[in-house]
Amino acid sequence: MRRVTARTGGSGALVAAALMVAAAVLNAADAVIVRLLAGEVHPLMIGFTRAAFGLAVVLPWILMRVDLAASPYRWLHVLRAGLKLASLVAFFVAFAHAPLSDVVAINFTMPIFLTLGAWMVLGESMTLSKLLAVVAGFAGMLIVIRPGAGAMNPALAFAMAGAVLTAVIQLMLKRMARHDSTDRLVAWNLLTMAPLGLLAALFVWETPTPPQLSLLALQGVLGALNMTLLTRAFALAEASFLAPLDFLRLPAVAALAFVFFGEVAGASTWIGAAVIFGATLLAAGGAHYNRRRMPPDGT
């Protein structure tokens, strides 16, 4: 069957855009749930339950559709899942203790770190546009965190760590996607994250209360659904078409943060996020990514 993309001008582009909007809302809801659980459930516990409930949602699909044994990257899958778990926990700490909009803005720096990593590790060329994008991206990050202004939140360091770890994961995916299928990459990630998360959570284990467990289960389902929506969107339309829509995560989380917690994103957050996002588009340079073989791996 012919793949419908944004370049065809068909309905696939509209469907992909709608999926990106829905994913932005789910991403914002995820951040709100983490904040609601802050101080009551340890971030390692949140990481485990998110992985476990997310796996429960997609396990039937994995059992029926995915040939796990055909993957040539058994231990690399485990390493990638461990890094993914660490990145999630880092973002959970940031969401719990820093303004939600600031964390999302810092999260936009991931493609900047990816550009640097691709140059240093994979030997990709560092063009003038990419270099300017890196400089602009870090400038935007400084605008958001406001160092020296007496307002910097230490928890934003966890957001930066999460962005760096996500970039490392994407670098691994770029290599692994050459010899493995998208279905196996997604399935192995989900299957290995849950036991790794359990091992980490055992050190801080406290059985959640029924209300907490309900929120944790909801977060796991939303996380699995978010990945499904993103994967489907990138299968329907080009990454260069969908990339600007990723910015919708910021207004979505800003709106929910105001409704639930009375947080109001400041001017520096919006300005810094706009600079960062513009830098990521400049770094991309309009390049088209292989959507079929490298699934999105965001938070």
C-alpha atoms as a PDB file:
ATOM      1  CA  MET A   1       0.000   0.000   0.000  1.00  0.00           C
ATOM      2  CA  ARG A   2       1.350   3.456  -0.891  1.00  0.00           C
ATOM      3  CA  ARG A   3       2.379   5.567   2.107  1.00  0.00           C
ATOM      4  CA  VAL A   4       0.539   8.886   2.304  1.00  0.00           C
ATOM      5  CA  THR A   5       2.815  11.756   3.292  1.00  0.00           C
ATOM      6  CA  ALA A   6       2.606  15.487   3.749  1.00  0.00           C
ATOM      7  CA  ARG A   7       4.227  15.884   0.325  1.00  0.00           C
ATOM      8  CA  THR A   8       1.239  14.234  -1.353  1.00  0.00           C
ATOM      9  CA  GLY A   9      -1.121  16.911  -0.029  1.00  0.00           C
ATOM     10  CA  GLY A  10      -3.590  14.167   0.912  1.00  0.00           C
ATOM     11  CA  SER A  11      -5.651  13.699   4.036  1.00  0.00           C
ATOM     12  CA  GLY A  12      -2.760  11.876   5.657  1.00  0.00           C
ATOM     13  CA  ALA A  13      -1.091  15.192   6.473  1.00  0.00           C
ATOM     14  CA  LEU A  14      -4.207  16.452   8.254  1.00  0.00           C
ATOM     15  CA  VAL A  15      -4.545  13.231  10.221  1.00  0.00           C
ATOM     16  CA  ALA A  16      -0.864  13.387  11.192  1.00  0.00           C
ATOM     17  CA  ALA A  17      -1.263  16.994  12.364  1.00  0.00           C
ATOM     18  CA  ALA A  18      -4.289  16.022  14.472  1.00  0.00           C
ATOM     19  CA  LEU A  19      -2.303  13.161  16.006  1.00  0.00           C
ATOM     20  CA  MET A  20       0.510  15.566  16.906  1.00  0.00           C
ATOM     21  CA  VAL A  21      -1.969  17.899  18.613  1.00  0.00           C
ATOM     22  CA  ALA A  22      -3.404  14.980  20.582  1.00  0.00           C
ATOM     23  CA  ALA A  23       0.102  13.843  21.539  1.00  0.00           C
ATOM     24  CA  ALA A  24       0.915  17.360  22.801  1.00  0.00           C
ATOM     25  CA  VAL A  25      -2.142  17.300  25.074  1.00  0.00           C
ATOM     26  CA  LEU A  26      -1.252  13.821  26.387  1.00  0.00           C
ATOM     27  CA  ASN A  27       2.309  14.970  27.038  1.00  0.00           C
ATOM     28  CA  ALA A  28       0.986  17.906  29.062  1.00  0.00           C
ATOM     29  CA  ALA A  29      -1.355  15.622  31.013  1.00  0.00           C
ATOM     30  CA  ASP A  30       1.610  13.362  31.807  1.00  0.00           C
ATOM     31  CA  ALA A  31       3.476  16.317  33.351  1.00  0.00           C
ATOM     32  CA  VAL A  32       0.428  17.274  35.423  1.00  0.00           C
ATOM     33  CA  ILE A  33       0.107  13.731  36.800  1.00  0.00           C
ATOM     34  CA  VAL A  34       3.765  13.740  37.850  1.00  0.00           C
ATOM     35  CA  ARG A  35       3.278  17.051  39.659  1.00  0.00           C
ATOM     36  CA  LEU A  36       0.147  15.724  41.401  1.00  0.00           C
ATOM     37  CA  LEU A  37       2.169  12.747  42.648  1.00  0.00           C
ATOM     38  CA  ALA A  38       5.167  14.860  43.687  1.00  0.00           C
ATOM     39  CA  GLY A  39       6.226  14.301  47.285  1.00  0.00           C
ATOM     40  CA  GLU A  40       3.999  11.240  47.586  1.00  0.00           C
ATOM     41  CA  VAL A  41       5.481   8.753  45.094  1.00  0.00           C
ATOM     42  CA  HIS A  42       9.215   8.437  44.441  1.00  0.00           C
ATOM     43  CA  PRO A  43      10.299   9.201  40.830  1.00  0.00           C
ATOM     44  CA  LEU A  44      11.753   5.681  40.532  1.00  0.00           C
ATOM     45  CA  MET A  45       8.348   4.269  41.446  1.00  0.00           C
ATOM     46  CA  ILE A  46       6.724   6.482  38.810  1.00  0.00           C
ATOM     47  CA  GLY A  47       9.251   5.256  36.251  1.00  0.00           C
ATOM     48  CA  PHE A  48       8.493   1.610  37.007  1.00  0.00           C
ATOM     49  CA  THR A  49       4.700   1.929  37.032  1.00  0.00           C
ATOM     50  CA  ARG A  50       4.729   3.972  33.817  1.00  0.00           C
ATOM     51  CA  ALA A  51       6.733   1.251  32.096  1.00  0.00           C
ATOM     52  CA  ALA A  52       4.662  -1.576  33.591  1.00  0.00           C
ATOM     53  CA  PHE A  53       1.228  -0.153  32.783  1.00  0.00           C
ATOM     54  CA  GLY A  54       2.413   0.984  29.351  1.00  0.00           C
ATOM     55  CA  LEU A  55       3.664  -2.519  28.614  1.00  0.00           C
ATOM     56  CA  ALA A  56       0.351  -4.018  29.743  1.00  0.00           C
ATOM     57  CA  VAL A  57      -1.436  -1.891  27.133  1.00  0.00           C
ATOM     58  CA  VAL A  58       0.691  -3.012  24.186  1.00  0.00           C
ATOM     59  CA  LEU A  59       1.642  -6.550  25.272  1.00  0.00           C
ATOM     60  CA  PRO A  60      -1.089  -8.234  23.163  1.00  0.00           C
ATOM     61  CA  TRP A  61       0.218  -6.405  20.080  1.00  0.00           C
ATOM     62  CA  ILE A  62       3.792  -7.468  20.868  1.00  0.00           C
ATOM     63  CA  LEU A  63       2.826 -11.126  21.305  1.00  0.00           C
ATOM     64  CA  MET A  64       0.806 -11.230  18.081  1.00  0.00           C
ATOM     65  CA  ARG A  65       2.835  -9.008  15.750  1.00  0.00           C
ATOM     66  CA  VAL A  66       6.502  -8.790  16.739  1.00  0.00           C
ATOM     67  CA  ASP A  67       9.256 -11.356  16.138  1.00  0.00           C
ATOM     68  CA  LEU A  68      11.463 -10.423  19.090  1.00  0.00           C
ATOM     69  CA  ALA A  69      14.034 -13.166  18.456  1.00  0.00           C
ATOM     70  CA  ALA A  70      14.950 -11.666  15.084  1.00  0.00           C
ATOM     71  CA  SER A  71      16.570  -8.606  16.636  1.00  0.00           C
ATOM     72  CA  PRO A  72      20.402  -8.506  16.417  1.00  0.00           C
ATOM     73  CA  TYR A  73      20.693  -6.048  19.330  1.00  0.00           C
ATOM     74  CA  ARG A  74      19.675  -7.895  22.516  1.00  0.00           C
ATOM     75  CA  TRP A  75      22.010  -6.133  24.989  1.00  0.00           C
ATOM     76  CA  LEU A  76      21.829  -2.796  23.205  1.00  0.00           C
ATOM     77  CA  HIS A  77      18.062  -2.901  23.756  1.00  0.00           C
ATOM     78  CA  VAL A  78      18.677  -3.356  27.470  1.00  0.00           C
ATOM     79  CA  LEU A  79      21.131  -0.443  27.538  1.00  0.00           C
ATOM     80  CA  ARG A  80      18.749   1.769  25.591  1.00  0.00           C
ATOM     81  CA  ALA A  81      15.882   0.900  27.934  1.00  0.00           C
ATOM     82  CA  GLY A  82      18.055   1.742  30.954  1.00  0.00           C
ATOM     83  CA  LEU A  83      18.926   5.129  29.455  1.00  0.00           C
ATOM     84  CA  LYS A  84      15.273   5.717  28.593  1.00  0.00           C
ATOM     85  CA  LEU A  85      14.258   4.953  32.172  1.00  0.00           C
ATOM     86  CA  ALA A  86      16.934   7.320  33.477  1.00  0.00           C
ATOM     87  CA  SER A  87      15.765  10.100  31.147  1.00  0.00           C
ATOM     88  CA  LEU A  88      12.159   9.658  32.271  1.00  0.00           C
ATOM     89  CA  VAL A  89      13.113   9.760  35.956  1.00  0.00           C
ATOM     90  CA  ALA A  90      15.171  12.908  35.339  1.00  0.00           C
ATOM     91  CA  PHE A  91      12.185  14.606  33.731  1.00  0.00           C
ATOM     92  CA  PHE A  92       9.907  13.386  36.524  1.00  0.00           C
ATOM     93  CA  VAL A  93      12.167  15.077  39.101  1.00  0.00           C
ATOM     94  CA  ALA A  94      12.119  18.260  37.028  1.00  0.00           C
ATOM     95  CA  PHE A  95       8.336  18.208  36.611  1.00  0.00           C
ATOM     96  CA  ALA A  96       7.906  17.703  40.340  1.00  0.00           C
ATOM     97  CA  HIS A  97      10.056  20.650  41.424  1.00  0.00           C
ATOM     98  CA  ALA A  98      10.284  23.162  38.557  1.00  0.00           C
ATOM     99  CA  PRO A  99       7.706  25.132  36.558  1.00  0.00           C
ATOM    100  CA  LEU A 100       6.208  22.737  34.023  1.00  0.00           C
ATOM    101  CA  SER A 101       6.564  25.170  31.121  1.00  0.00           C
ATOM    102  CA  ASP A 102      10.269  25.680  31.852  1.00  0.00           C
ATOM    103  CA  VAL A 103      10.872  21.921  31.833  1.00  0.00           C
ATOM    104  CA  VAL A 104       9.147  21.519  28.474  1.00  0.00           C
ATOM    105  CA  ALA A 105      11.136  24.440  27.055  1.00  0.00           C
ATOM    106  CA  ILE A 106      14.401  22.819  28.186  1.00  0.00           C
ATOM    107  CA  ASN A 107      13.222  19.538  26.673  1.00  0.00           C
ATOM    108  CA  PHE A 108      13.223  21.253  23.263  1.00  0.00           C
ATOM    109  CA  THR A 109      17.047  21.322  23.441  1.00  0.00           C
ATOM    110  CA  MET A 110      17.243  17.584  22.763  1.00  0.00           C
ATOM    111  CA  PRO A 111      17.779  18.022  18.973  1.00  0.00           C
ATOM    112  CA  ILE A 112      20.623  20.443  19.745  1.00  0.00           C
ATOM    113  CA  PHE A 113      22.391  17.803  21.839  1.00  0.00           C
ATOM    114  CA  LEU A 114      21.580  15.275  19.108  1.00  0.00           C
ATOM    115  CA  THR A 115      23.284  17.500  16.520  1.00  0.00           C
ATOM    116  CA  LEU A 116      26.390  17.736  18.701  1.00  0.00           C
ATOM    117  CA  GLY A 117      26.388  14.000  19.339  1.00  0.00           C
ATOM    118  CA  ALA A 118      25.993  13.140  15.667  1.00  0.00           C
ATOM    119  CA  TRP A 119      29.020  15.331  14.915  1.00  0.00           C
ATOM    120  CA  MET A 120      31.224  14.006  17.731  1.00  0.00           C
ATOM    121  CA  VAL A 121      30.186  10.335  17.710  1.00  0.00           C
ATOM    122  CA  LEU A 122      28.839   9.538  14.244  1.00  0.00           C
ATOM    123  CA  GLY A 123      31.163  11.844  12.324  1.00  0.00           C
ATOM    124  CA  GLU A 124      28.372  13.808  10.668  1.00  0.00           C
ATOM    125  CA  SER A 125      29.400  17.170   9.206  1.00  0.00           C
ATOM    126  CA  MET A 126      29.040  20.343  11.281  1.00  0.00           C
ATOM    127  CA  THR A 127      27.737  22.903   8.820  1.00  0.00           C
ATOM    128  CA  LEU A 128      27.543  26.627   9.521  1.00  0.00           C
ATOM    129  CA  SER A 129      23.762  26.423   9.949  1.00  0.00           C
ATOM    130  CA  LYS A 130      24.121  23.593  12.477  1.00  0.00           C
ATOM    131  CA  LEU A 131      26.808  25.490  14.389  1.00  0.00           C
ATOM    132  CA  LEU A 132      24.608  28.597  14.545  1.00  0.00           C
ATOM    133  CA  ALA A 133      21.716  26.414  15.671  1.00  0.00           C
ATOM    134  CA  VAL A 134      23.780  24.957  18.529  1.00  0.00           C
ATOM    135  CA  VAL A 135      24.836  28.427  19.694  1.00  0.00           C
ATOM    136  CA  ALA A 136      21.260  29.724  19.456  1.00  0.00           C
ATOM    137  CA  GLY A 137      19.909  26.656  21.251  1.00  0.00           C
ATOM    138  CA  PHE A 138      22.187  27.129  24.218  1.00  0.00           C
ATOM    139  CA  ALA A 139      21.395  30.850  24.257  1.00  0.00           C
ATOM    140  CA  GLY A 140      17.690  30.016  24.417  1.00  0.00           C
ATOM    141  CA  MET A 141      18.327  27.576  27.254  1.00  0.00           C
ATOM    142  CA  LEU A 142      20.130  30.292  29.214  1.00  0.00           C
ATOM    143  CA  ILE A 143      17.154  32.606  28.688  1.00  0.00           C
ATOM    144  CA  VAL A 144      14.857  29.977  30.220  1.00  0.00           C
ATOM    145  CA  ILE A 145      16.979  29.034  33.237  1.00  0.00           C
ATOM    146  CA  ARG A 146      18.092  32.656  33.902  1.00  0.00           C
ATOM    147  CA  PRO A 147      21.468  31.942  35.573  1.00  0.00           C
ATOM    148  CA  GLY A 148      22.726  34.772  37.745  1.00  0.00           C
ATOM    149  CA  ALA A 149      19.259  36.298  38.032  1.00  0.00           C
ATOM    150  CA  GLY A 150      18.580  34.696  41.400  1.00  0.00           C
ATOM    151  CA  ALA A 151      15.681  32.744  39.939  1.00  0.00           C
ATOM    152  CA  MET A 152      17.345  29.601  38.588  1.00  0.00           C
ATOM    153  CA  ASN A 153      15.659  26.422  39.755  1.00  0.00           C
ATOM    154  CA  PRO A 154      18.160  23.576  40.439  1.00  0.00           C
ATOM    155  CA  ALA A 155      15.574  21.042  39.256  1.00  0.00           C
ATOM    156  CA  LEU A 156      16.042  22.334  35.707  1.00  0.00           C
ATOM    157  CA  ALA A 157      19.431  20.581  35.748  1.00  0.00           C
ATOM    158  CA  PHE A 158      17.451  17.324  35.717  1.00  0.00           C
ATOM    159  CA  ALA A 159      15.537  18.544  32.664  1.00  0.00           C
ATOM    160  CA  MET A 160      18.839  19.210  30.890  1.00  0.00           C
ATOM    161  CA  ALA A 161      20.085  15.746  31.906  1.00  0.00           C
ATOM    162  CA  GLY A 162      16.892  14.226  30.515  1.00  0.00           C
ATOM    163  CA  ALA A 163      17.387  16.068  27.212  1.00  0.00           C
ATOM    164  CA  VAL A 164      20.987  14.844  26.955  1.00  0.00           C
ATOM    165  CA  LEU A 165      20.006  11.241  27.711  1.00  0.00           C
ATOM    166  CA  THR A 166      17.210  11.381  25.136  1.00  0.00           C
ATOM    167  CA  ALA A 167      19.709  12.611  22.544  1.00  0.00           C
ATOM    168  CA  VAL A 168      22.002   9.680  23.373  1.00  0.00           C
ATOM    169  CA  ILE A 169      19.070   7.305  22.900  1.00  0.00           C
ATOM    170  CA  GLN A 170      18.296   8.847  19.511  1.00  0.00           C
ATOM    171  CA  LEU A 171      21.922   8.360  18.444  1.00  0.00           C
ATOM    172  CA  MET A 172      21.629   4.692  19.367  1.00  0.00           C
ATOM    173  CA  LEU A 173      18.387   4.437  17.430  1.00  0.00           C
ATOM    174  CA  LYS A 174      20.004   5.900  14.319  1.00  0.00           C
ATOM    175  CA  ARG A 175      22.488   3.026  14.335  1.00  0.00           C
ATOM    176  CA  MET A 176      20.113   0.278  15.443  1.00  0.00           C
ATOM    177  CA  ALA A 177      17.418   1.226  12.926  1.00  0.00           C
ATOM    178  CA  ARG A 178      19.753   0.227  10.096  1.00  0.00           C
ATOM    179  CA  HIS A 179      19.391  -3.461  10.934  1.00  0.00           C
ATOM    180  CA  ASP A 180      16.236  -3.710  13.043  1.00  0.00           C
ATOM    181  CA  SER A 181      12.551  -2.981  12.433  1.00  0.00           C
ATOM    182  CA  THR A 182      10.532  -0.224  14.059  1.00  0.00           C
ATOM    183  CA  ASP A 183       8.190  -2.761  15.670  1.00  0.00           C
ATOM    184  CA  ARG A 184      11.063  -4.614  17.330  1.00  0.00           C
ATOM    185  CA  LEU A 185      12.721  -1.386  18.491  1.00  0.00           C
ATOM    186  CA  VAL A 186       9.505  -0.287  20.199  1.00  0.00           C
ATOM    187  CA  ALA A 187       8.645  -3.730  21.595  1.00  0.00           C
ATOM    188  CA  TRP A 188      12.092  -4.463  23.028  1.00  0.00           C
ATOM    189  CA  ASN A 189      12.183  -1.029  24.655  1.00  0.00           C
ATOM    190  CA  LEU A 190       8.876  -1.598  26.435  1.00  0.00           C
ATOM    191  CA  LEU A 191       9.670  -5.171  27.433  1.00  0.00           C
ATOM    192  CA  THR A 192      13.036  -4.309  28.989  1.00  0.00           C
ATOM    193  CA  MET A 193      12.072  -1.044  30.698  1.00  0.00           C
ATOM    194  CA  ALA A 194       9.556  -2.673  33.045  1.00  0.00           C
ATOM    195  CA  PRO A 195      11.958  -5.165  34.739  1.00  0.00           C
ATOM    196  CA  LEU A 196      14.720  -2.551  34.896  1.00  0.00           C
ATOM    197  CA  GLY A 197      12.269  -0.126  36.455  1.00  0.00           C
ATOM    198  CA  LEU A 198      11.226  -2.739  39.013  1.00  0.00           C
ATOM    199  CA  LEU A 199      14.832  -3.363  40.040  1.00  0.00           C
ATOM    200  CA  ALA A 200      15.369   0.357  40.607  1.00  0.00           C
ATOM    201  CA  ALA A 201      12.034   0.849  42.387  1.00  0.00           C
ATOM    202  CA  LEU A 202      12.701  -1.947  44.887  1.00  0.00           C
ATOM    203  CA  PHE A 203      15.218   0.303  46.673  1.00  0.00           C
ATOM    204  CA  VAL A 204      12.548   2.926  47.409  1.00  0.00           C
ATOM    205  CA  TRP A 205       9.426   0.770  47.377  1.00  0.00           C
ATOM    206  CA  GLU A 206       6.269   2.029  49.065  1.00  0.00           C
ATOM    207  CA  THR A 207       2.983   0.510  47.979  1.00  0.00           C
ATOM    208  CA  PRO A 208       0.892   3.262  46.357  1.00  0.00           C
ATOM    209  CA  THR A 209      -2.523   4.102  47.752  1.00  0.00           C
ATOM    210  CA  PRO A 210      -5.546   3.393  45.512  1.00  0.00           C
ATOM    211  CA  PRO A 211      -5.791   7.051  44.328  1.00  0.00           C
ATOM    212  CA  GLN A 212      -2.059   7.120  43.606  1.00  0.00           C
ATOM    213  CA  LEU A 213      -2.243   3.790  41.790  1.00  0.00           C
ATOM    214  CA  SER A 214      -5.077   5.124  39.648  1.00  0.00           C
ATOM    215  CA  LEU A 215      -2.987   8.118  38.588  1.00  0.00           C
ATOM    216  CA  LEU A 216       0.027   5.902  37.933  1.00  0.00           C
ATOM    217  CA  ALA A 217      -2.065   3.548  35.797  1.00  0.00           C
ATOM    218  CA  LEU A 218      -3.497   6.492  33.874  1.00  0.00           C
ATOM    219  CA  GLN A 219      -0.002   7.834  33.264  1.00  0.00           C
ATOM    220  CA  GLY A 220       1.184   4.484  31.918  1.00  0.00           C
ATOM    221  CA  VAL A 221      -1.754   4.258  29.532  1.00  0.00           C
ATOM    222  CA  LEU A 222      -1.244   7.854  28.384  1.00  0.00           C
ATOM    223  CA  GLY A 223       2.461   7.199  27.819  1.00  0.00           C
ATOM    224  CA  ALA A 224       1.776   4.162  25.635  1.00  0.00           C
ATOM    225  CA  LEU A 225      -0.935   6.030  23.736  1.00  0.00           C
ATOM    226  CA  ASN A 226       1.365   9.019  23.239  1.00  0.00           C
ATOM    227  CA  MET A 227       4.058   6.815  21.673  1.00  0.00           C
ATOM    228  CA  THR A 228       1.446   5.201  19.444  1.00  0.00           C
ATOM    229  CA  LEU A 229       0.146   8.570  18.257  1.00  0.00           C
ATOM    230  CA  LEU A 230       3.640   9.879  17.507  1.00  0.00           C
ATOM    231  CA  THR A 231       4.683   6.718  15.670  1.00  0.00           C
ATOM    232  CA  ARG A 232       1.517   6.839  13.564  1.00  0.00           C
ATOM    233  CA  ALA A 233       1.936  10.558  12.839  1.00  0.00           C
ATOM    234  CA  PHE A 234       5.511  10.094  11.614  1.00  0.00           C
ATOM    235  CA  ALA A 235       4.331   7.210   9.440  1.00  0.00           C
ATOM    236  CA  LEU A 236       1.781   9.476   7.732  1.00  0.00           C
ATOM    237  CA  ALA A 237       3.786  12.672   7.205  1.00  0.00           C
ATOM    238  CA  GLU A 238       7.315  13.946   6.834  1.00  0.00           C
ATOM    239  CA  ALA A 239       9.289  14.929   9.927  1.00  0.00           C
ATOM    240  CA  SER A 240       9.961  18.362   8.403  1.00  0.00           C
ATOM    241  CA  PHE A 241       6.190  18.945   8.243  1.00  0.00           C
ATOM    242  CA  LEU A 242       5.513  17.700  11.778  1.00  0.00           C
ATOM    243  CA  ALA A 243       8.480  19.314  13.561  1.00  0.00           C
ATOM    244  CA  PRO A 244       6.862  22.776  14.008  1.00  0.00           C
ATOM    245  CA  LEU A 245       3.805  21.130  15.560  1.00  0.00           C
ATOM    246  CA  ASP A 246       5.998  19.775  18.364  1.00  0.00           C
ATOM    247  CA  PHE A 247       6.008  23.323  19.785  1.00  0.00           C
ATOM    248  CA  LEU A 248       2.343  22.777  20.727  1.00  0.00           C
ATOM    249  CA  ARG A 249       3.575  20.908  23.796  1.00  0.00           C
ATOM    250  CA  LEU A 250       4.479  24.227  25.416  1.00  0.00           C
ATOM    251  CA  PRO A 251       1.084  25.984  25.202  1.00  0.00           C
ATOM    252  CA  ALA A 252      -0.621  22.702  26.131  1.00  0.00           C
ATOM    253  CA  VAL A 253       1.407  22.259  29.316  1.00  0.00           C
ATOM    254  CA  ALA A 254       1.217  25.994  30.096  1.00  0.00           C
ATOM    255  CA  ALA A 255      -2.585  25.849  29.935  1.00  0.00           C
ATOM    256  CA  LEU A 256      -2.862  22.775  32.165  1.00  0.00           C
ATOM    257  CA  ALA A 257      -0.253  24.122  34.604  1.00  0.00           C
ATOM    258  CA  PHE A 258      -2.350  27.267  34.995  1.00  0.00           C
ATOM    259  CA  VAL A 259      -5.602  25.322  35.450  1.00  0.00           C
ATOM    260  CA  PHE A 260      -4.259  22.820  37.988  1.00  0.00           C
ATOM    261  CA  PHE A 261      -1.530  24.735  39.813  1.00  0.00           C
ATOM    262  CA  GLY A 262      -1.989  28.418  38.986  1.00  0.00           C
ATOM    263  CA  GLU A 263       1.395  28.546  37.238  1.00  0.00           C
ATOM    264  CA  VAL A 264       1.877  31.318  34.710  1.00  0.00           C
ATOM    265  CA  ALA A 265       4.730  30.934  32.235  1.00  0.00           C
ATOM    266  CA  GLY A 266       6.877  34.062  32.206  1.00  0.00           C
ATOM    267  CA  ALA A 267       8.105  35.998  29.192  1.00  0.00           C
ATOM    268  CA  SER A 268      11.579  34.472  29.492  1.00  0.00           C
ATOM    269  CA  THR A 269      10.092  30.981  29.156  1.00  0.00           C
ATOM    270  CA  TRP A 270       8.261  31.824  25.929  1.00  0.00           C
ATOM    271  CA  ILE A 271      11.181  33.782  24.462  1.00  0.00           C
ATOM    272  CA  GLY A 272      13.730  31.126  25.398  1.00  0.00           C
ATOM    273  CA  ALA A 273      11.526  28.320  24.100  1.00  0.00           C
ATOM    274  CA  ALA A 274      10.986  30.165  20.804  1.00  0.00           C
ATOM    275  CA  VAL A 275      14.753  30.640  20.393  1.00  0.00           C
ATOM    276  CA  ILE A 276      15.410  26.976  21.213  1.00  0.00           C
ATOM    277  CA  PHE A 277      12.711  25.766  18.872  1.00  0.00           C
ATOM    278  CA  GLY A 278      13.900  27.998  16.058  1.00  0.00           C
ATOM    279  CA  ALA A 279      17.401  26.621  16.603  1.00  0.00           C
ATOM    280  CA  THR A 280      16.173  23.034  16.309  1.00  0.00           C
ATOM    281  CA  LEU A 281      14.487  23.826  12.998  1.00  0.00           C
ATOM    282  CA  LEU A 282      17.691  25.459  11.774  1.00  0.00           C
ATOM    283  CA  ALA A 283      19.701  22.410  12.849  1.00  0.00           C
ATOM    284  CA  ALA A 284      17.313  20.140  10.976  1.00  0.00           C
ATOM    285  CA  GLY A 285      17.818  22.257   7.878  1.00  0.00           C
ATOM    286  CA  GLY A 286      14.670  20.861   6.329  1.00  0.00           C
ATOM    287  CA  ALA A 287      16.221  17.390   6.234  1.00  0.00           C
ATOM    288  CA  HIS A 288      13.888  14.418   5.850  1.00  0.00           C
ATOM    289  CA  TYR A 289      14.226  11.613   8.356  1.00  0.00           C
ATOM    290  CA  ASN A 290      13.614   7.925   7.768  1.00  0.00           C
ATOM    291  CA  ARG A 291      10.265   7.669   9.529  1.00  0.00           C
ATOM    292  CA  ARG A 292       9.724   3.997   8.869  1.00  0.00           C
ATOM    293  CA  ARG A 293      12.934   2.749  10.482  1.00  0.00           C
ATOM    294  CA  MET A 294      13.501   5.130  13.384  1.00  0.00           C
ATOM    295  CA  PRO A 295      10.485   5.637  15.673  1.00  0.00           C
ATOM    296  CA  PRO A 296      10.151   8.747  17.841  1.00  0.00           C
ATOM    297  CA  ASP A 297      11.472   8.206  21.330  1.00  0.00           C
ATOM    298  CA  GLY A 298      10.366  11.270  23.245  1.00  0.00           C
ATOM    299  CA  THR A 299       9.019  11.640  26.766  1.00  0.00           C
END
